[in-house]
């Protein structure tokens, strides 16, 4: 199983910028994790977002 993990640890960022950055990182991480994966295996991708 492919695992995508994103760690967010900056609590000083304004909400809009924070959400934009989080979504951008999430999309980039998903795209990066899907490289080399066959289409029938995509449902096995696990996405974890950690707020720390």
PDB file of N, CA and C in Angstrom:
ATOM      1  N   UNK A   1       0.851  -1.201   0.000  1.00  0.00           N
ATOM      2  CA  UNK A   1       0.000   0.000   0.000  1.00  0.00           C
ATOM      3  C   UNK A   1       0.877   1.237   0.000  1.00  0.00           C
ATOM      4  N   UNK A   2       0.489   2.200  -0.788  1.00  0.00           N
ATOM      5  CA  UNK A   2       1.209   3.474  -0.836  1.00  0.00           C
ATOM      6  C   UNK A   2       0.645   4.396   0.238  1.00  0.00           C
ATOM      7  N   UNK A   3       1.531   5.066   0.941  1.00  0.00           N
ATOM      8  CA  UNK A   3       1.097   5.939   2.035  1.00  0.00           C
ATOM      9  C   UNK A   3       1.545   7.370   1.769  1.00  0.00           C
ATOM     10  N   UNK A   4       0.612   8.285   1.910  1.00  0.00           N
ATOM     11  CA  UNK A   4       0.920   9.709   1.778  1.00  0.00           C
ATOM     12  C   UNK A   4       0.762  10.323   3.151  1.00  0.00           C
ATOM     13  N   UNK A   5       1.823  10.918   3.672  1.00  0.00           N
ATOM     14  CA  UNK A   5       1.757  11.525   4.995  1.00  0.00           C
ATOM     15  C   UNK A   5       2.189  12.980   4.908  1.00  0.00           C
ATOM     16  N   UNK A   6       1.365  13.852   5.456  1.00  0.00           N
ATOM     17  CA  UNK A   6       1.650  15.291   5.444  1.00  0.00           C
ATOM     18  C   UNK A   6       1.665  15.782   6.890  1.00  0.00           C
ATOM     19  N   UNK A   7       2.754  16.423   7.265  1.00  0.00           N
ATOM     20  CA  UNK A   7       2.853  16.956   8.626  1.00  0.00           C
ATOM     21  C   UNK A   7       2.722  18.473   8.583  1.00  0.00           C
ATOM     22  N   UNK A   8       1.842  18.990   9.410  1.00  0.00           N
ATOM     23  CA  UNK A   8       1.625  20.435   9.481  1.00  0.00           C
ATOM     24  C   UNK A   8       1.938  20.883  10.904  1.00  0.00           C
ATOM     25  N   UNK A   9       2.914  21.796  11.055  1.00  0.00           N
ATOM     26  CA  UNK A   9       3.315  22.172  12.411  1.00  0.00           C
ATOM     27  C   UNK A   9       3.440  23.676  12.616  1.00  0.00           C
ATOM     28  N   UNK A  10       2.929  24.468  11.672  1.00  0.00           N
ATOM     29  CA  UNK A  10       3.015  25.920  11.814  1.00  0.00           C
ATOM     30  C   UNK A  10       1.644  26.489  12.156  1.00  0.00           C
ATOM     31  N   UNK A  11       1.447  26.855  13.414  1.00  0.00           N
ATOM     32  CA  UNK A  11       0.147  27.361  13.869  1.00  0.00           C
ATOM     33  C   UNK A  11       0.002  28.870  13.691  1.00  0.00           C
ATOM     34  N   UNK A  12       1.028  29.524  13.166  1.00  0.00           N
ATOM     35  CA  UNK A  12       0.992  30.985  13.045  1.00  0.00           C
ATOM     36  C   UNK A  12       0.510  31.454  11.674  1.00  0.00           C
ATOM     37  N   UNK A  13       0.238  30.523  10.780  1.00  0.00           N
ATOM     38  CA  UNK A  13      -0.161  30.887   9.421  1.00  0.00           C
ATOM     39  C   UNK A  13      -1.651  31.227   9.387  1.00  0.00           C
ATOM     40  N   UNK A  14      -2.040  32.331   8.717  1.00  0.00           N
ATOM     41  CA  UNK A  14      -3.464  32.667   8.573  1.00  0.00           C
ATOM     42  C   UNK A  14      -4.220  31.511   7.918  1.00  0.00           C
ATOM     43  N   UNK A  15      -5.489  31.375   8.259  1.00  0.00           N
ATOM     44  CA  UNK A  15      -6.271  30.204   7.843  1.00  0.00           C
ATOM     45  C   UNK A  15      -6.291  30.002   6.330  1.00  0.00           C
ATOM     46  N   UNK A  16      -6.557  31.075   5.562  1.00  0.00           N
ATOM     47  CA  UNK A  16      -6.639  30.923   4.112  1.00  0.00           C
ATOM     48  C   UNK A  16      -5.329  30.412   3.524  1.00  0.00           C
ATOM     49  N   UNK A  17      -4.225  31.002   3.968  1.00  0.00           N
ATOM     50  CA  UNK A  17      -2.912  30.571   3.480  1.00  0.00           C
ATOM     51  C   UNK A  17      -2.618  29.148   3.951  1.00  0.00           C
ATOM     52  N   UNK A  18      -3.014  28.860   5.181  1.00  0.00           N
ATOM     53  CA  UNK A  18      -2.804  27.529   5.755  1.00  0.00           C
ATOM     54  C   UNK A  18      -3.520  26.470   4.931  1.00  0.00           C
ATOM     55  N   UNK A  19      -4.800  26.715   4.631  1.00  0.00           N
ATOM     56  CA  UNK A  19      -5.599  25.752   3.872  1.00  0.00           C
ATOM     57  C   UNK A  19      -5.049  25.603   2.456  1.00  0.00           C
ATOM     58  N   UNK A  20      -4.693  26.719   1.838  1.00  0.00           N
ATOM     59  CA  UNK A  20      -4.134  26.672   0.484  1.00  0.00           C
ATOM     60  C   UNK A  20      -2.853  25.854   0.455  1.00  0.00           C
ATOM     61  N   UNK A  21      -1.980  26.098   1.431  1.00  0.00           N
ATOM     62  CA  UNK A  21      -0.720  25.362   1.501  1.00  0.00           C
ATOM     63  C   UNK A  21      -0.978  23.880   1.748  1.00  0.00           C
ATOM     64  N   UNK A  22      -1.907  23.570   2.644  1.00  0.00           N
ATOM     65  CA  UNK A  22      -2.218  22.185   2.966  1.00  0.00           C
ATOM     66  C   UNK A  22      -2.748  21.445   1.738  1.00  0.00           C
ATOM     67  N   UNK A  23      -3.691  22.081   1.039  1.00  0.00           N
ATOM     68  CA  UNK A  23      -4.271  21.453  -0.157  1.00  0.00           C
ATOM     69  C   UNK A  23      -3.201  21.272  -1.232  1.00  0.00           C
ATOM     70  N   UNK A  24      -2.351  22.276  -1.400  1.00  0.00           N
ATOM     71  CA  UNK A  24      -1.284  22.174  -2.397  1.00  0.00           C
ATOM     72  C   UNK A  24      -0.357  21.008  -2.087  1.00  0.00           C
ATOM     73  N   UNK A  25       0.053  20.893  -0.820  1.00  0.00           N
ATOM     74  CA  UNK A  25       0.933  19.793  -0.420  1.00  0.00           C
ATOM     75  C   UNK A  25       0.235  18.453  -0.601  1.00  0.00           C
ATOM     76  N   UNK A  26      -1.056  18.427  -0.271  1.00  0.00           N
ATOM     77  CA  UNK A  26      -1.817  17.184  -0.402  1.00  0.00           C
ATOM     78  C   UNK A  26      -1.871  16.734  -1.858  1.00  0.00           C
ATOM     79  N   UNK A  27      -2.195  17.677  -2.748  1.00  0.00           N
ATOM     80  CA  UNK A  27      -2.285  17.335  -4.175  1.00  0.00           C
ATOM     81  C   UNK A  27      -0.931  16.881  -4.710  1.00  0.00           C
ATOM     82  N   UNK A  28       0.123  17.610  -4.368  1.00  0.00           N
ATOM     83  CA  UNK A  28       1.453  17.242  -4.836  1.00  0.00           C
ATOM     84  C   UNK A  28       1.865  15.878  -4.306  1.00  0.00           C
ATOM     85  N   UNK A  29       1.546  15.598  -3.049  1.00  0.00           N
ATOM     86  CA  UNK A  29       1.898  14.310  -2.453  1.00  0.00           C
ATOM     87  C   UNK A  29       1.132  13.173  -3.118  1.00  0.00           C
ATOM     88  N   UNK A  30      -0.141  13.418  -3.422  1.00  0.00           N
ATOM     89  CA  UNK A  30      -0.948  12.384  -4.085  1.00  0.00           C
ATOM     90  C   UNK A  30      -0.397  12.111  -5.481  1.00  0.00           C
ATOM     91  N   UNK A  31      -0.133  13.169  -6.237  1.00  0.00           N
ATOM     92  CA  UNK A  31       0.394  13.003  -7.595  1.00  0.00           C
ATOM     93  C   UNK A  31       1.717  12.254  -7.550  1.00  0.00           C
ATOM     94  N   UNK A  32       2.586  12.636  -6.613  1.00  0.00           N
ATOM     95  CA  UNK A  32       3.891  11.996  -6.503  1.00  0.00           C
ATOM     96  C   UNK A  32       3.746  10.518  -6.135  1.00  0.00           C
ATOM     97  N   UNK A  33       2.788  10.218  -5.265  1.00  0.00           N
ATOM     98  CA  UNK A  33       2.623   8.832  -4.802  1.00  0.00           C
ATOM     99  C   UNK A  33       2.004   7.946  -5.874  1.00  0.00           C
ATOM    100  N   UNK A  34       1.290   8.557  -6.817  1.00  0.00           N
ATOM    101  CA  UNK A  34       0.613   7.767  -7.842  1.00  0.00           C
ATOM    102  C   UNK A  34       1.509   7.463  -9.040  1.00  0.00           C
ATOM    103  N   UNK A  35       2.689   8.055  -9.098  1.00  0.00           N
ATOM    104  CA  UNK A  35       3.592   7.792 -10.215  1.00  0.00           C
ATOM    105  C   UNK A  35       3.990   6.325 -10.201  1.00  0.00           C
ATOM    106  N   UNK A  36       3.847   5.670 -11.323  1.00  0.00           N
ATOM    107  CA  UNK A  36       4.242   4.277 -11.436  1.00  0.00           C
ATOM    108  C   UNK A  36       3.210   3.293 -10.912  1.00  0.00           C
ATOM    109  N   UNK A  37       2.043   3.782 -10.515  1.00  0.00           N
ATOM    110  CA  UNK A  37       0.997   2.900 -10.000  1.00  0.00           C
ATOM    111  C   UNK A  37      -0.016   2.628 -11.111  1.00  0.00           C
ATOM    112  N   UNK A  38      -0.378   1.380 -11.270  1.00  0.00           N
ATOM    113  CA  UNK A  38      -1.390   1.031 -12.274  1.00  0.00           C
ATOM    114  C   UNK A  38      -2.748   1.542 -11.809  1.00  0.00           C
ATOM    115  N   UNK A  39      -3.635   1.859 -12.764  1.00  0.00           N
ATOM    116  CA  UNK A  39      -4.940   2.435 -12.419  1.00  0.00           C
ATOM    117  C   UNK A  39      -5.731   1.554 -11.469  1.00  0.00           C
ATOM    118  N   UNK A  40      -5.645   0.244 -11.643  1.00  0.00           N
ATOM    119  CA  UNK A  40      -6.443  -0.653 -10.787  1.00  0.00           C
ATOM    120  C   UNK A  40      -5.935  -0.690  -9.349  1.00  0.00           C
ATOM    121  N   UNK A  41      -4.756  -0.109  -9.097  1.00  0.00           N
ATOM    122  CA  UNK A  41      -4.197  -0.115  -7.746  1.00  0.00           C
ATOM    123  C   UNK A  41      -4.462   1.183  -6.990  1.00  0.00           C
ATOM    124  N   UNK A  42      -5.086   2.167  -7.653  1.00  0.00           N
ATOM    125  CA  UNK A  42      -5.247   3.492  -7.050  1.00  0.00           C
ATOM    126  C   UNK A  42      -6.089   3.433  -5.773  1.00  0.00           C
ATOM    127  N   UNK A  43      -7.055   2.509  -5.706  1.00  0.00           N
ATOM    128  CA  UNK A  43      -7.901   2.445  -4.513  1.00  0.00           C
ATOM    129  C   UNK A  43      -7.136   1.996  -3.279  1.00  0.00           C
ATOM    130  N   UNK A  44      -5.903   1.534  -3.456  1.00  0.00           N
ATOM    131  CA  UNK A  44      -5.108   1.080  -2.319  1.00  0.00           C
ATOM    132  C   UNK A  44      -4.236   2.187  -1.709  1.00  0.00           C
ATOM    133  N   UNK A  45      -4.374   3.412  -2.221  1.00  0.00           N
ATOM    134  CA  UNK A  45      -3.572   4.515  -1.697  1.00  0.00           C
ATOM    135  C   UNK A  45      -4.177   5.017  -0.387  1.00  0.00           C
ATOM    136  N   UNK A  46      -3.342   5.113   0.632  1.00  0.00           N
ATOM    137  CA  UNK A  46      -3.791   5.578   1.945  1.00  0.00           C
ATOM    138  C   UNK A  46      -3.260   6.992   2.182  1.00  0.00           C
ATOM    139  N   UNK A  47      -4.153   7.910   2.527  1.00  0.00           N
ATOM    140  CA  UNK A  47      -3.764   9.305   2.753  1.00  0.00           C
ATOM    141  C   UNK A  47      -3.940   9.645   4.231  1.00  0.00           C
ATOM    142  N   UNK A  48      -2.869  10.128   4.840  1.00  0.00           N
ATOM    143  CA  UNK A  48      -2.912  10.495   6.249  1.00  0.00           C
ATOM    144  C   UNK A  48      -2.463  11.944   6.408  1.00  0.00           C
ATOM    145  N   UNK A  49      -3.266  12.747   7.081  1.00  0.00           N
ATOM    146  CA  UNK A  49      -2.894  14.133   7.360  1.00  0.00           C
ATOM    147  C   UNK A  49      -2.758  14.285   8.872  1.00  0.00           C
ATOM    148  N   UNK A  50      -1.566  14.657   9.308  1.00  0.00           N
ATOM    149  CA  UNK A  50      -1.307  14.811  10.739  1.00  0.00           C
ATOM    150  C   UNK A  50      -1.200  16.284  11.107  1.00  0.00           C
ATOM    151  N   UNK A  51      -1.978  16.718  12.074  1.00  0.00           N
ATOM    152  CA  UNK A  51      -1.879  18.077  12.589  1.00  0.00           C
ATOM    153  C   UNK A  51      -1.064  18.023  13.862  1.00  0.00           C
ATOM    154  N   UNK A  52       0.109  18.651  13.846  1.00  0.00           N
ATOM    155  CA  UNK A  52       0.969  18.604  15.031  1.00  0.00           C
ATOM    156  C   UNK A  52       1.384  20.005  15.448  1.00  0.00           C
TER     157      UNK A  52
END
